[in-house]
Full PDB file with SEQRES, HELIX, SHEET, SSBOND, CRYST1, ORIGX, SCALE, CONECT and MASTER records, all heavy atoms in Angstrom:
SEQRES   1 A   32  MET PRO ARG ARG THR GLY VAL LEU ALA ALA LYS ALA ILE          
SEQRES   2 A   32  VAL LEU ALA GLY LEU THR LEU VAL ALA GLY SER VAL ALA          
SEQRES   3 A   32  VAL LEU ALA SER ALA LEU                                      
HELIX    1 AA1 ARG A    4  ALA A   31  1                                  28    
CRYST1    1.000    1.000    1.000  90.00  90.00  90.00 P 1           1          
ORIGX1      1.000000  0.000000  0.000000        0.00000                         
ORIGX2      0.000000  1.000000  0.000000        0.00000                         
ORIGX3      0.000000  0.000000  1.000000        0.00000                         
SCALE1      1.000000  0.000000  0.000000        0.00000                         
SCALE2      0.000000  1.000000  0.000000        0.00000                         
SCALE3      0.000000  0.000000  1.000000        0.00000                         
ATOM      1  N   MET A   1      36.142 -14.605 -48.235  1.00  0.00           N  
ATOM      2  CA  MET A   1      34.803 -14.679 -47.654  1.00  0.00           C  
ATOM      3  C   MET A   1      34.072 -13.361 -47.930  1.00  0.00           C  
ATOM      4  O   MET A   1      34.083 -12.446 -47.104  1.00  0.00           O  
ATOM      5  CB  MET A   1      34.895 -14.949 -46.147  1.00  0.00           C  
ATOM      6  CG  MET A   1      35.517 -16.290 -45.804  1.00  0.00           C  
ATOM      7  SD  MET A   1      35.673 -16.598 -44.026  1.00  0.00           S  
ATOM      8  CE  MET A   1      36.978 -15.438 -43.598  1.00  0.00           C  
ATOM      9  N   PRO A   2      33.473 -13.237 -49.105  1.00  0.00           N  
ATOM     10  CA  PRO A   2      32.895 -11.946 -49.515  1.00  0.00           C  
ATOM     11  C   PRO A   2      31.690 -11.502 -48.701  1.00  0.00           C  
ATOM     12  O   PRO A   2      31.309 -10.330 -48.781  1.00  0.00           O  
ATOM     13  CB  PRO A   2      32.515 -12.186 -50.986  1.00  0.00           C  
ATOM     14  CG  PRO A   2      32.460 -13.656 -51.153  1.00  0.00           C  
ATOM     15  CD  PRO A   2      33.405 -14.239 -50.171  1.00  0.00           C  
ATOM     16  N   ARG A   3      31.067 -12.393 -47.955  1.00  0.00           N  
ATOM     17  CA  ARG A   3      29.942 -12.000 -47.091  1.00  0.00           C  
ATOM     18  C   ARG A   3      30.506 -11.241 -45.885  1.00  0.00           C  
ATOM     19  O   ARG A   3      30.862 -11.825 -44.872  1.00  0.00           O  
ATOM     20  CB  ARG A   3      29.149 -13.218 -46.631  1.00  0.00           C  
ATOM     21  CG  ARG A   3      28.285 -13.847 -47.701  1.00  0.00           C  
ATOM     22  CD  ARG A   3      27.474 -15.007 -47.158  1.00  0.00           C  
ATOM     23  NE  ARG A   3      26.668 -14.603 -46.023  1.00  0.00           N  
ATOM     24  CZ  ARG A   3      26.681 -15.240 -44.848  1.00  0.00           C  
ATOM     25  NH1 ARG A   3      27.504 -16.256 -44.640  1.00  0.00           N  
ATOM     26  NH2 ARG A   3      25.895 -14.839 -43.869  1.00  0.00           N  
ATOM     27  N   ARG A   4      30.569  -9.940 -46.003  1.00  0.00           N  
ATOM     28  CA  ARG A   4      31.238  -9.131 -44.991  1.00  0.00           C  
ATOM     29  C   ARG A   4      30.522  -9.184 -43.641  1.00  0.00           C  
ATOM     30  O   ARG A   4      31.167  -9.188 -42.596  1.00  0.00           O  
ATOM     31  CB  ARG A   4      31.363  -7.687 -45.477  1.00  0.00           C  
ATOM     32  CG  ARG A   4      32.237  -7.564 -46.728  1.00  0.00           C  
ATOM     33  CD  ARG A   4      32.541  -6.134 -47.078  1.00  0.00           C  
ATOM     34  NE  ARG A   4      33.491  -6.060 -48.178  1.00  0.00           N  
ATOM     35  CZ  ARG A   4      34.254  -5.011 -48.448  1.00  0.00           C  
ATOM     36  NH1 ARG A   4      34.163  -3.915 -47.705  1.00  0.00           N  
ATOM     37  NH2 ARG A   4      35.097  -5.027 -49.456  1.00  0.00           N  
ATOM     38  N   THR A   5      29.200  -9.195 -43.680  1.00  0.00           N  
ATOM     39  CA  THR A   5      28.471  -9.292 -42.409  1.00  0.00           C  
ATOM     40  C   THR A   5      28.734 -10.643 -41.744  1.00  0.00           C  
ATOM     41  O   THR A   5      28.758 -10.744 -40.518  1.00  0.00           O  
ATOM     42  CB  THR A   5      26.968  -9.108 -42.636  1.00  0.00           C  
ATOM     43  OG1 THR A   5      26.509 -10.024 -43.648  1.00  0.00           O  
ATOM     44  CG2 THR A   5      26.651  -7.690 -43.060  1.00  0.00           C  
ATOM     45  N   GLY A   6      28.940 -11.673 -42.565  1.00  0.00           N  
ATOM     46  CA  GLY A   6      29.268 -12.985 -42.009  1.00  0.00           C  
ATOM     47  C   GLY A   6      30.628 -12.985 -41.338  1.00  0.00           C  
ATOM     48  O   GLY A   6      30.825 -13.611 -40.301  1.00  0.00           O  
ATOM     49  N   VAL A   7      31.581 -12.265 -41.934  1.00  0.00           N  
ATOM     50  CA  VAL A   7      32.911 -12.136 -41.333  1.00  0.00           C  
ATOM     51  C   VAL A   7      32.823 -11.445 -39.978  1.00  0.00           C  
ATOM     52  O   VAL A   7      33.395 -11.910 -38.986  1.00  0.00           O  
ATOM     53  CB  VAL A   7      33.859 -11.355 -42.267  1.00  0.00           C  
ATOM     54  CG1 VAL A   7      35.184 -11.055 -41.564  1.00  0.00           C  
ATOM     55  CG2 VAL A   7      34.113 -12.142 -43.545  1.00  0.00           C  
ATOM     56  N   LEU A   8      32.091 -10.334 -39.926  1.00  0.00           N  
ATOM     57  CA  LEU A   8      31.956  -9.604 -38.661  1.00  0.00           C  
ATOM     58  C   LEU A   8      31.205 -10.433 -37.626  1.00  0.00           C  
ATOM     59  O   LEU A   8      31.577 -10.448 -36.445  1.00  0.00           O  
ATOM     60  CB  LEU A   8      31.237  -8.272 -38.902  1.00  0.00           C  
ATOM     61  CG  LEU A   8      31.054  -7.378 -37.670  1.00  0.00           C  
ATOM     62  CD1 LEU A   8      32.400  -7.039 -37.044  1.00  0.00           C  
ATOM     63  CD2 LEU A   8      30.302  -6.101 -38.039  1.00  0.00           C  
ATOM     64  N   ALA A   9      30.163 -11.135 -38.069  1.00  0.00           N  
ATOM     65  CA  ALA A   9      29.399 -11.972 -37.140  1.00  0.00           C  
ATOM     66  C   ALA A   9      30.283 -13.077 -36.562  1.00  0.00           C  
ATOM     67  O   ALA A   9      30.222 -13.380 -35.362  1.00  0.00           O  
ATOM     68  CB  ALA A   9      28.191 -12.575 -37.846  1.00  0.00           C  
ATOM     69  N   ALA A  10      31.111 -13.690 -37.409  1.00  0.00           N  
ATOM     70  CA  ALA A  10      32.001 -14.749 -36.937  1.00  0.00           C  
ATOM     71  C   ALA A  10      33.020 -14.198 -35.951  1.00  0.00           C  
ATOM     72  O   ALA A  10      33.308 -14.827 -34.919  1.00  0.00           O  
ATOM     73  CB  ALA A  10      32.711 -15.399 -38.124  1.00  0.00           C  
ATOM     74  N   LYS A  11      33.569 -13.031 -36.250  1.00  0.00           N  
ATOM     75  CA  LYS A  11      34.512 -12.401 -35.320  1.00  0.00           C  
ATOM     76  C   LYS A  11      33.823 -12.135 -33.976  1.00  0.00           C  
ATOM     77  O   LYS A  11      34.410 -12.364 -32.907  1.00  0.00           O  
ATOM     78  CB  LYS A  11      35.039 -11.091 -35.902  1.00  0.00           C  
ATOM     79  CG  LYS A  11      36.051 -11.247 -37.031  1.00  0.00           C  
ATOM     80  CD  LYS A  11      36.560  -9.891 -37.501  1.00  0.00           C  
ATOM     81  CE  LYS A  11      37.561 -10.020 -38.641  1.00  0.00           C  
ATOM     82  NZ  LYS A  11      38.812 -10.684 -38.232  1.00  0.00           N  
ATOM     83  N   ALA A  12      32.590 -11.645 -34.027  1.00  0.00           N  
ATOM     84  CA  ALA A  12      31.856 -11.329 -32.802  1.00  0.00           C  
ATOM     85  C   ALA A  12      31.586 -12.579 -31.974  1.00  0.00           C  
ATOM     86  O   ALA A  12      31.738 -12.575 -30.746  1.00  0.00           O  
ATOM     87  CB  ALA A  12      30.546 -10.625 -33.153  1.00  0.00           C  
ATOM     88  N   ILE A  13      31.206 -13.673 -32.649  1.00  0.00           N  
ATOM     89  CA  ILE A  13      30.901 -14.910 -31.927  1.00  0.00           C  
ATOM     90  C   ILE A  13      32.153 -15.485 -31.258  1.00  0.00           C  
ATOM     91  O   ILE A  13      32.129 -15.880 -30.088  1.00  0.00           O  
ATOM     92  CB  ILE A  13      30.275 -15.941 -32.885  1.00  0.00           C  
ATOM     93  CG1 ILE A  13      28.884 -15.470 -33.332  1.00  0.00           C  
ATOM     94  CG2 ILE A  13      30.179 -17.316 -32.218  1.00  0.00           C  
ATOM     95  CD1 ILE A  13      28.286 -16.299 -34.453  1.00  0.00           C  
ATOM     96  N   VAL A  14      33.247 -15.544 -32.013  1.00  0.00           N  
ATOM     97  CA  VAL A  14      34.497 -16.092 -31.456  1.00  0.00           C  
ATOM     98  C   VAL A  14      35.001 -15.218 -30.321  1.00  0.00           C  
ATOM     99  O   VAL A  14      35.402 -15.714 -29.257  1.00  0.00           O  
ATOM    100  CB  VAL A  14      35.561 -16.217 -32.564  1.00  0.00           C  
ATOM    101  CG1 VAL A  14      36.913 -16.589 -31.967  1.00  0.00           C  
ATOM    102  CG2 VAL A  14      35.132 -17.257 -33.591  1.00  0.00           C  
ATOM    103  N   LEU A  15      34.981 -13.905 -30.523  1.00  0.00           N  
ATOM    104  CA  LEU A  15      35.430 -12.978 -29.480  1.00  0.00           C  
ATOM    105  C   LEU A  15      34.559 -13.085 -28.241  1.00  0.00           C  
ATOM    106  O   LEU A  15      35.067 -13.112 -27.110  1.00  0.00           O  
ATOM    107  CB  LEU A  15      35.408 -11.551 -30.023  1.00  0.00           C  
ATOM    108  CG  LEU A  15      35.765 -10.441 -29.035  1.00  0.00           C  
ATOM    109  CD1 LEU A  15      37.213 -10.568 -28.576  1.00  0.00           C  
ATOM    110  CD2 LEU A  15      35.516  -9.066 -29.666  1.00  0.00           C  
ATOM    111  N   ALA A  16      33.248 -13.152 -28.428  1.00  0.00           N  
ATOM    112  CA  ALA A  16      32.337 -13.268 -27.284  1.00  0.00           C  
ATOM    113  C   ALA A  16      32.581 -14.557 -26.516  1.00  0.00           C  
ATOM    114  O   ALA A  16      32.554 -14.575 -25.284  1.00  0.00           O  
ATOM    115  CB  ALA A  16      30.890 -13.196 -27.776  1.00  0.00           C  
ATOM    116  N   GLY A  17      32.829 -15.648 -27.252  1.00  0.00           N  
ATOM    117  CA  GLY A  17      33.097 -16.920 -26.579  1.00  0.00           C  
ATOM    118  C   GLY A  17      34.355 -16.877 -25.734  1.00  0.00           C  
ATOM    119  O   GLY A  17      34.364 -17.330 -24.582  1.00  0.00           O  
ATOM    120  N   LEU A  18      35.432 -16.331 -26.303  1.00  0.00           N  
ATOM    121  CA  LEU A  18      36.687 -16.227 -25.555  1.00  0.00           C  
ATOM    122  C   LEU A  18      36.530 -15.323 -24.331  1.00  0.00           C  
ATOM    123  O   LEU A  18      37.012 -15.639 -23.240  1.00  0.00           O  
ATOM    124  CB  LEU A  18      37.796 -15.689 -26.455  1.00  0.00           C  
ATOM    125  CG  LEU A  18      38.533 -16.687 -27.341  1.00  0.00           C  
ATOM    126  CD1 LEU A  18      39.570 -15.972 -28.183  1.00  0.00           C  
ATOM    127  CD2 LEU A  18      39.186 -17.782 -26.511  1.00  0.00           C  
ATOM    128  N   THR A  19      35.849 -14.195 -24.520  1.00  0.00           N  
ATOM    129  CA  THR A  19      35.654 -13.266 -23.405  1.00  0.00           C  
ATOM    130  C   THR A  19      34.771 -13.885 -22.334  1.00  0.00           C  
ATOM    131  O   THR A  19      34.990 -13.672 -21.132  1.00  0.00           O  
ATOM    132  CB  THR A  19      35.025 -11.955 -23.905  1.00  0.00           C  
ATOM    133  OG1 THR A  19      35.797 -11.440 -24.992  1.00  0.00           O  
ATOM    134  CG2 THR A  19      34.982 -10.919 -22.799  1.00  0.00           C  
ATOM    135  N   LEU A  20      33.771 -14.645 -22.763  1.00  0.00           N  
ATOM    136  CA  LEU A  20      32.886 -15.315 -21.806  1.00  0.00           C  
ATOM    137  C   LEU A  20      33.671 -16.275 -20.924  1.00  0.00           C  
ATOM    138  O   LEU A  20      33.488 -16.305 -19.698  1.00  0.00           O  
ATOM    139  CB  LEU A  20      31.785 -16.060 -22.559  1.00  0.00           C  
ATOM    140  CG  LEU A  20      30.750 -16.794 -21.693  1.00  0.00           C  
ATOM    141  CD1 LEU A  20      29.931 -15.807 -20.871  1.00  0.00           C  
ATOM    142  CD2 LEU A  20      29.827 -17.635 -22.582  1.00  0.00           C  
ATOM    143  N   VAL A  21      34.559 -17.048 -21.538  1.00  0.00           N  
ATOM    144  CA  VAL A  21      35.357 -18.009 -20.770  1.00  0.00           C  
ATOM    145  C   VAL A  21      36.325 -17.281 -19.832  1.00  0.00           C  
ATOM    146  O   VAL A  21      36.376 -17.569 -18.632  1.00  0.00           O  
ATOM    147  CB  VAL A  21      36.135 -18.945 -21.714  1.00  0.00           C  
ATOM    148  CG1 VAL A  21      37.111 -19.816 -20.919  1.00  0.00           C  
ATOM    149  CG2 VAL A  21      35.163 -19.819 -22.505  1.00  0.00           C  
ATOM    150  N   ALA A  22      37.091 -16.340 -20.380  1.00  0.00           N  
ATOM    151  CA  ALA A  22      38.055 -15.606 -19.557  1.00  0.00           C  
ATOM    152  C   ALA A  22      37.358 -14.803 -18.473  1.00  0.00           C  
ATOM    153  O   ALA A  22      37.813 -14.757 -17.319  1.00  0.00           O  
ATOM    154  CB  ALA A  22      38.897 -14.679 -20.437  1.00  0.00           C  
ATOM    155  N   GLY A  23      36.238 -14.169 -18.830  1.00  0.00           N  
ATOM    156  CA  GLY A  23      35.503 -13.381 -17.848  1.00  0.00           C  
ATOM    157  C   GLY A  23      34.921 -14.230 -16.735  1.00  0.00           C  
ATOM    158  O   GLY A  23      34.922 -13.830 -15.567  1.00  0.00           O  
ATOM    159  N   SER A  24      34.428 -15.404 -17.080  1.00  0.00           N  
ATOM    160  CA  SER A  24      33.863 -16.298 -16.069  1.00  0.00           C  
ATOM    161  C   SER A  24      34.930 -16.751 -15.076  1.00  0.00           C  
ATOM    162  O   SER A  24      34.720 -16.760 -13.863  1.00  0.00           O  
ATOM    163  CB  SER A  24      33.225 -17.521 -16.744  1.00  0.00           C  
ATOM    164  OG  SER A  24      32.158 -17.141 -17.574  1.00  0.00           O  
ATOM    165  N   VAL A  25      36.092 -17.125 -15.617  1.00  0.00           N  
ATOM    166  CA  VAL A  25      37.200 -17.537 -14.750  1.00  0.00           C  
ATOM    167  C   VAL A  25      37.639 -16.372 -13.867  1.00  0.00           C  
ATOM    168  O   VAL A  25      37.854 -16.535 -12.654  1.00  0.00           O  
ATOM    169  CB  VAL A  25      38.388 -18.045 -15.587  1.00  0.00           C  
ATOM    170  CG1 VAL A  25      39.608 -18.315 -14.703  1.00  0.00           C  
ATOM    171  CG2 VAL A  25      37.997 -19.305 -16.342  1.00  0.00           C  
ATOM    172  N   ALA A  26      37.753 -15.187 -14.459  1.00  0.00           N  
ATOM    173  CA  ALA A  26      38.220 -14.017 -13.718  1.00  0.00           C  
ATOM    174  C   ALA A  26      37.251 -13.638 -12.602  1.00  0.00           C  
ATOM    175  O   ALA A  26      37.657 -13.391 -11.460  1.00  0.00           O  
ATOM    176  CB  ALA A  26      38.400 -12.837 -14.680  1.00  0.00           C  
ATOM    177  N   VAL A  27      35.967 -13.589 -12.917  1.00  0.00           N  
ATOM    178  CA  VAL A  27      34.960 -13.177 -11.926  1.00  0.00           C  
ATOM    179  C   VAL A  27      34.834 -14.216 -10.819  1.00  0.00           C  
ATOM    180  O   VAL A  27      34.762 -13.864  -9.633  1.00  0.00           O  
ATOM    181  CB  VAL A  27      33.609 -12.937 -12.626  1.00  0.00           C  
ATOM    182  CG1 VAL A  27      32.485 -12.812 -11.597  1.00  0.00           C  
ATOM    183  CG2 VAL A  27      33.676 -11.683 -13.483  1.00  0.00           C  
ATOM    184  N   LEU A  28      34.799 -15.496 -11.191  1.00  0.00           N  
ATOM    185  CA  LEU A  28      34.687 -16.541 -10.174  1.00  0.00           C  
ATOM    186  C   LEU A  28      35.903 -16.540  -9.258  1.00  0.00           C  
ATOM    187  O   LEU A  28      35.780 -16.609  -8.029  1.00  0.00           O  
ATOM    188  CB  LEU A  28      34.531 -17.910 -10.843  1.00  0.00           C  
ATOM    189  CG  LEU A  28      34.428 -19.111  -9.889  1.00  0.00           C  
ATOM    190  CD1 LEU A  28      33.231 -18.956  -8.968  1.00  0.00           C  
ATOM    191  CD2 LEU A  28      34.345 -20.415 -10.680  1.00  0.00           C  
ATOM    192  N   ALA A  29      37.093 -16.446  -9.848  1.00  0.00           N  
ATOM    193  CA  ALA A  29      38.312 -16.421  -9.040  1.00  0.00           C  
ATOM    194  C   ALA A  29      38.346 -15.207  -8.134  1.00  0.00           C  
ATOM    195  O   ALA A  29      38.716 -15.303  -6.957  1.00  0.00           O  
ATOM    196  CB  ALA A  29      39.540 -16.435  -9.959  1.00  0.00           C  
ATOM    197  N   SER A  30      37.942 -14.057  -8.654  1.00  0.00           N  
ATOM    198  CA  SER A  30      37.942 -12.838  -7.849  1.00  0.00           C  
ATOM    199  C   SER A  30      36.971 -12.956  -6.687  1.00  0.00           C  
ATOM    200  O   SER A  30      37.281 -12.572  -5.552  1.00  0.00           O  
ATOM    201  CB  SER A  30      37.580 -11.636  -8.721  1.00  0.00           C  
ATOM    202  OG  SER A  30      37.676 -10.433  -7.996  1.00  0.00           O  
ATOM    203  N   ALA A  31      35.773 -13.497  -6.964  1.00  0.00           N  
ATOM    204  CA  ALA A  31      34.778 -13.652  -5.900  1.00  0.00           C  
ATOM    205  C   ALA A  31      35.268 -14.589  -4.808  1.00  0.00           C  
ATOM    206  O   ALA A  31      35.070 -14.328  -3.606  1.00  0.00           O  
ATOM    207  CB  ALA A  31      33.464 -14.164  -6.495  1.00  0.00           C  
ATOM    208  N   LEU A  32      35.923 -15.675  -5.193  1.00  0.00           N  
ATOM    209  CA  LEU A  32      36.397 -16.657  -4.211  1.00  0.00           C  
ATOM    210  C   LEU A  32      37.597 -16.127  -3.418  1.00  0.00           C  
ATOM    211  O   LEU A  32      37.687 -16.333  -2.206  1.00  0.00           O  
ATOM    212  CB  LEU A  32      36.773 -17.957  -4.923  1.00  0.00           C  
ATOM    213  CG  LEU A  32      35.615 -18.728  -5.568  1.00  0.00           C  
ATOM    214  CD1 LEU A  32      36.140 -19.951  -6.310  1.00  0.00           C  
ATOM    215  CD2 LEU A  32      34.579 -19.135  -4.517  1.00  0.00           C  
TER     216      LEU A  32                                                      
MASTER        0    0    0    1    0    0    0    6  215    1    0    3          
END                                                                             
């Protein structure tokens, strides 16, 4: 995948999605 910015963008999107899910579960559980 020679489009290097595309590689970094894809990594950022996938990482953000995983963190969003884990963070949402963590924060909601902590609040409750």
